[in-house]
Amino acid sequence: MLMNTNMEEFMQLTVRQQEIIDAALALIAEQGIQNLTIKNIAAALKITEPAIYRHFDSKFAILDALLDSFDHGSVSVLADSAANQRSPLERIEAFVLDRYRRVKERPYLSKVMFSGELFLFDERLSGKMLAMMHRHKTRISALIEDGQARGEIRNDVSPRSLCRMVFGSLRLLIYQWGMSGYRFDLPAEGLELWQDLRKMLRK
């Protein structure tokens, strides 16, 4: 079973599908992508291989679902903040802090989703990862431009550069957290970092 790649038609994961994805994340983070096999996932979950195939037809389908799920969560938080009529800067804040929260809930994401080279072994997956990153950056850049037009965000720096500051600081802190063995409070330090970054973004 493959996840639909159209975000408007995203199919919610079942409990078992999420368990399979989490087991795959753990295997990649602890043993490397080369050890991601249906056999190893089944062993980690103490279920049979056919039980895995009832939900995903290959390990690539599992990784596909992981990317779709992560993408959907990111898009959803931006949509929710828009529905609540938040300002552009508040919507960027919601996106950033949600990222820290999601990674804290599933620590292995720090070593998989924020280490893009893991997807380079498959051209289709690497292309999908790149497209997702571009989509997120486009949305944040648009919010920055909107904030500049409203006089909320400084306009003496280009939206592209400000966007890179947002994503660069986000990725660096998550990477450091993963490499440290999750030894500090990611959401708390993420909030502190965002508060300092927000001062730099404000006009």
Foldseek 3Di string as FASTA:
>chain_A
DAFDQDLVPGDDDDPVLVLLLLLQLVCCLPPNPVPRFLVSSCVVVVHDSVVVCVPPVTVVRSLNSVLSVVLNVLVVLLVVCVVVVDALLVSLVSSLLVVLVVCVVRVSCLVPLLPLVSQVVDPVSSVSSVVSVVVSLVVNLVSLVRCVVVQFWDDPDHSNVLSCVSVVVSSVLSNVCSVVVNPDRRSVVSVVVSVVSSVVGGD
